[in-house]
N, C-alpha and C. Protein backbone atom coordinates (compact mmCIF):
# COMPACT_ATOMS: atom_id res chain seq x y z
N UNK A 1 -0.12 19.88 -22.80
CA UNK A 1 1.09 19.66 -22.02
C UNK A 1 1.58 18.24 -22.27
N UNK A 2 2.84 18.09 -22.46
CA UNK A 2 3.40 16.76 -22.67
C UNK A 2 3.65 16.09 -21.32
N UNK A 3 3.70 14.78 -21.35
CA UNK A 3 3.99 14.00 -20.15
C UNK A 3 5.44 13.53 -20.24
N UNK A 4 5.99 13.21 -19.11
CA UNK A 4 7.37 12.76 -19.09
C UNK A 4 7.49 11.59 -18.12
N UNK A 5 7.99 10.46 -18.62
CA UNK A 5 8.12 9.25 -17.81
C UNK A 5 9.55 9.05 -17.34
N UNK A 6 9.65 8.50 -16.13
CA UNK A 6 10.95 8.16 -15.54
C UNK A 6 10.86 6.69 -15.17
N UNK A 7 11.85 5.90 -15.60
CA UNK A 7 11.88 4.47 -15.30
C UNK A 7 12.98 4.22 -14.27
N UNK A 8 12.61 3.56 -13.19
CA UNK A 8 13.57 3.19 -12.15
C UNK A 8 13.67 1.68 -12.11
N UNK A 9 14.87 1.16 -12.07
CA UNK A 9 15.11 -0.28 -11.94
C UNK A 9 15.69 -0.53 -10.55
N UNK A 10 15.61 -1.78 -10.12
CA UNK A 10 16.14 -2.16 -8.81
C UNK A 10 15.44 -1.41 -7.68
N UNK A 11 14.10 -1.41 -7.72
CA UNK A 11 13.29 -0.83 -6.66
C UNK A 11 12.56 -1.98 -5.98
N UNK A 12 13.18 -2.61 -4.96
CA UNK A 12 12.55 -3.73 -4.28
C UNK A 12 11.37 -3.29 -3.42
N UNK A 13 10.57 -4.22 -2.93
CA UNK A 13 9.37 -3.87 -2.16
C UNK A 13 9.63 -2.92 -0.98
N UNK A 14 10.69 -3.15 -0.21
CA UNK A 14 10.94 -2.27 0.94
C UNK A 14 11.23 -0.84 0.50
N UNK A 15 11.94 -0.66 -0.60
CA UNK A 15 12.23 0.68 -1.12
C UNK A 15 10.95 1.33 -1.64
N UNK A 16 10.14 0.58 -2.37
CA UNK A 16 8.88 1.09 -2.92
C UNK A 16 7.96 1.57 -1.80
N UNK A 17 7.79 0.74 -0.77
CA UNK A 17 6.90 1.10 0.34
C UNK A 17 7.44 2.28 1.14
N UNK A 18 8.73 2.34 1.35
CA UNK A 18 9.34 3.47 2.03
C UNK A 18 9.13 4.75 1.23
N UNK A 19 9.33 4.68 -0.08
CA UNK A 19 9.15 5.85 -0.93
C UNK A 19 7.71 6.36 -0.84
N UNK A 20 6.75 5.45 -0.85
CA UNK A 20 5.35 5.86 -0.74
C UNK A 20 5.08 6.57 0.59
N UNK A 21 5.65 6.05 1.67
CA UNK A 21 5.47 6.69 2.99
C UNK A 21 6.10 8.08 3.00
N UNK A 22 7.30 8.20 2.45
CA UNK A 22 7.98 9.50 2.44
C UNK A 22 7.20 10.52 1.60
N UNK A 23 6.67 10.09 0.47
CA UNK A 23 5.86 10.99 -0.35
C UNK A 23 4.63 11.47 0.42
N UNK A 24 3.98 10.54 1.13
CA UNK A 24 2.80 10.91 1.93
C UNK A 24 3.18 11.88 3.04
N UNK A 25 4.31 11.63 3.71
CA UNK A 25 4.78 12.53 4.76
C UNK A 25 5.09 13.92 4.21
N UNK A 26 5.46 13.98 2.94
CA UNK A 26 5.77 15.25 2.27
C UNK A 26 4.51 15.98 1.81
N UNK A 27 3.35 15.33 1.92
CA UNK A 27 2.10 15.96 1.52
C UNK A 27 1.58 15.56 0.16
N UNK A 28 2.12 14.46 -0.37
CA UNK A 28 1.68 13.95 -1.67
C UNK A 28 0.71 12.80 -1.42
N UNK A 29 -0.46 12.84 -2.04
CA UNK A 29 -1.42 11.74 -1.94
C UNK A 29 -0.89 10.56 -2.75
N UNK A 30 -0.83 9.39 -2.12
CA UNK A 30 -0.38 8.17 -2.78
C UNK A 30 -1.42 7.09 -2.50
N UNK A 31 -2.07 6.55 -3.54
CA UNK A 31 -3.08 5.51 -3.31
C UNK A 31 -2.45 4.17 -2.93
N UNK A 32 -3.25 3.30 -2.37
CA UNK A 32 -2.80 1.95 -2.07
C UNK A 32 -2.54 1.21 -3.38
N UNK A 33 -1.72 0.19 -3.31
CA UNK A 33 -1.48 -0.65 -4.48
C UNK A 33 -0.22 -0.29 -5.23
N UNK A 34 -0.05 -1.00 -6.35
CA UNK A 34 1.16 -0.86 -7.15
C UNK A 34 1.04 0.11 -8.31
N UNK A 35 -0.14 0.67 -8.50
CA UNK A 35 -0.28 1.68 -9.55
C UNK A 35 -1.40 2.63 -9.20
N UNK A 36 -1.30 3.82 -9.74
CA UNK A 36 -2.30 4.83 -9.46
C UNK A 36 -1.78 6.21 -9.79
N UNK A 37 -2.39 7.21 -9.16
CA UNK A 37 -2.04 8.59 -9.44
C UNK A 37 -1.60 9.29 -8.16
N UNK A 38 -0.41 9.87 -8.19
CA UNK A 38 0.13 10.68 -7.11
C UNK A 38 -0.34 12.11 -7.34
N UNK A 39 -0.63 12.84 -6.26
CA UNK A 39 -0.98 14.24 -6.46
C UNK A 39 -0.70 15.03 -5.19
N UNK A 40 -0.25 16.24 -5.40
CA UNK A 40 0.01 17.15 -4.30
C UNK A 40 1.07 18.16 -4.68
N UNK A 41 1.05 19.29 -3.98
CA UNK A 41 2.03 20.36 -4.20
C UNK A 41 2.05 20.83 -5.66
N UNK A 42 0.90 20.72 -6.35
CA UNK A 42 0.81 21.18 -7.73
C UNK A 42 1.25 20.19 -8.78
N UNK A 43 1.70 19.01 -8.35
CA UNK A 43 2.18 18.01 -9.30
C UNK A 43 1.26 16.80 -9.29
N UNK A 44 0.98 16.29 -10.45
CA UNK A 44 0.22 15.05 -10.60
C UNK A 44 1.06 14.10 -11.45
N UNK A 45 1.10 12.84 -11.03
CA UNK A 45 1.87 11.85 -11.77
C UNK A 45 1.22 10.48 -11.60
N UNK A 46 1.34 9.67 -12.61
CA UNK A 46 0.89 8.28 -12.49
C UNK A 46 2.11 7.43 -12.18
N UNK A 47 1.87 6.32 -11.48
CA UNK A 47 2.98 5.41 -11.19
C UNK A 47 2.52 3.98 -11.41
N UNK A 48 3.47 3.15 -11.77
CA UNK A 48 3.21 1.71 -11.90
C UNK A 48 4.48 0.97 -11.52
N UNK A 49 4.33 0.08 -10.55
CA UNK A 49 5.44 -0.74 -10.07
C UNK A 49 5.09 -2.18 -10.37
N UNK A 50 6.02 -2.95 -10.89
CA UNK A 50 5.73 -4.33 -11.31
C UNK A 50 5.68 -5.32 -10.15
N UNK A 51 5.84 -4.86 -8.92
CA UNK A 51 5.78 -5.74 -7.77
C UNK A 51 7.10 -6.39 -7.43
N UNK A 52 8.12 -6.13 -8.23
CA UNK A 52 9.43 -6.74 -7.99
C UNK A 52 10.55 -5.72 -7.98
N UNK A 53 10.73 -5.00 -9.11
CA UNK A 53 11.87 -4.08 -9.14
C UNK A 53 11.75 -2.91 -10.11
N UNK A 54 10.77 -2.89 -10.98
CA UNK A 54 10.68 -1.82 -11.99
C UNK A 54 9.54 -0.87 -11.66
N UNK A 55 9.89 0.41 -11.58
CA UNK A 55 8.93 1.46 -11.25
C UNK A 55 8.95 2.51 -12.36
N UNK A 56 7.77 2.84 -12.87
CA UNK A 56 7.65 3.91 -13.86
C UNK A 56 6.77 5.00 -13.27
N UNK A 57 7.27 6.22 -13.30
CA UNK A 57 6.50 7.38 -12.85
C UNK A 57 6.39 8.32 -14.04
N UNK A 58 5.16 8.73 -14.34
CA UNK A 58 4.92 9.66 -15.45
C UNK A 58 4.32 10.94 -14.90
N UNK A 59 5.06 12.02 -15.05
CA UNK A 59 4.58 13.33 -14.60
C UNK A 59 3.57 13.82 -15.63
N UNK A 60 2.33 14.03 -15.17
CA UNK A 60 1.26 14.43 -16.09
C UNK A 60 0.86 15.90 -15.93
N UNK A 61 1.19 16.49 -14.77
CA UNK A 61 0.85 17.90 -14.54
C UNK A 61 1.84 18.46 -13.54
N UNK A 62 2.27 19.68 -13.78
CA UNK A 62 3.20 20.35 -12.87
C UNK A 62 3.02 21.85 -13.02
N UNK A 63 3.40 22.62 -12.00
CA UNK A 63 3.33 24.07 -12.13
C UNK A 63 4.28 24.55 -13.23
N UNK A 64 3.91 25.61 -13.87
CA UNK A 64 4.71 26.18 -14.93
C UNK A 64 6.13 26.51 -14.47
N UNK A 65 6.25 26.97 -13.24
CA UNK A 65 7.56 27.41 -12.74
C UNK A 65 8.47 26.25 -12.31
N UNK A 66 7.94 25.04 -12.28
CA UNK A 66 8.74 23.86 -11.92
C UNK A 66 9.09 23.12 -13.21
N UNK A 67 10.38 22.98 -13.49
CA UNK A 67 10.76 22.25 -14.70
C UNK A 67 10.78 20.75 -14.40
N UNK A 68 10.77 19.95 -15.46
CA UNK A 68 10.75 18.50 -15.31
C UNK A 68 11.97 17.98 -14.56
N UNK A 69 13.11 18.58 -14.80
CA UNK A 69 14.33 18.11 -14.15
C UNK A 69 14.24 18.24 -12.64
N UNK A 70 13.66 19.34 -12.16
CA UNK A 70 13.50 19.53 -10.72
C UNK A 70 12.52 18.50 -10.15
N UNK A 71 11.40 18.30 -10.83
CA UNK A 71 10.42 17.31 -10.37
C UNK A 71 11.04 15.91 -10.34
N UNK A 72 11.80 15.56 -11.38
CA UNK A 72 12.47 14.25 -11.44
C UNK A 72 13.48 14.11 -10.31
N UNK A 73 14.25 15.14 -10.05
CA UNK A 73 15.28 15.04 -9.01
C UNK A 73 14.64 14.86 -7.64
N UNK A 74 13.49 15.48 -7.40
CA UNK A 74 12.80 15.30 -6.13
C UNK A 74 12.33 13.86 -5.97
N UNK A 75 11.77 13.29 -7.03
CA UNK A 75 11.31 11.90 -6.98
C UNK A 75 12.49 10.97 -6.76
N UNK A 76 13.57 11.20 -7.48
CA UNK A 76 14.77 10.36 -7.33
C UNK A 76 15.30 10.43 -5.90
N UNK A 77 15.22 11.59 -5.28
CA UNK A 77 15.72 11.75 -3.92
C UNK A 77 14.94 10.87 -2.94
N UNK A 78 13.62 10.75 -3.12
CA UNK A 78 12.83 9.88 -2.25
C UNK A 78 13.29 8.43 -2.39
N UNK A 79 13.60 8.02 -3.60
CA UNK A 79 14.05 6.63 -3.83
C UNK A 79 15.44 6.43 -3.23
N UNK A 80 16.33 7.38 -3.43
CA UNK A 80 17.69 7.27 -2.88
C UNK A 80 17.64 7.16 -1.36
N UNK A 81 16.80 7.99 -0.71
CA UNK A 81 16.69 7.96 0.74
C UNK A 81 16.19 6.62 1.24
N UNK A 82 15.39 5.94 0.45
CA UNK A 82 14.77 4.68 0.87
C UNK A 82 15.56 3.45 0.45
N UNK A 83 16.42 3.58 -0.51
CA UNK A 83 17.14 2.41 -1.02
C UNK A 83 17.97 1.77 0.08
N UNK A 84 17.74 0.51 0.26
CA UNK A 84 18.49 -0.23 1.27
C UNK A 84 17.90 -0.17 2.67
N UNK A 85 16.76 0.54 2.81
CA UNK A 85 16.15 0.63 4.16
C UNK A 85 15.22 -0.52 4.41
């Protein structure tokens, strides 16, 4: 299975922390820190945030019936909801 990375710019600390909380509330395991592996709901992804504004999320595993575009749009929605909070 191939992996797919998504790069987000302009993700300040408050947005990053909010996104992590929202993912956890949604049932996704999110480790402490600025990098690690997210997992839940059949999806596994690694993430790395530079501590300032750049976030990279790489989807490493997903259900066959979920396409990458859907997984990406869900992740983007968590960031949009948190931006500016």
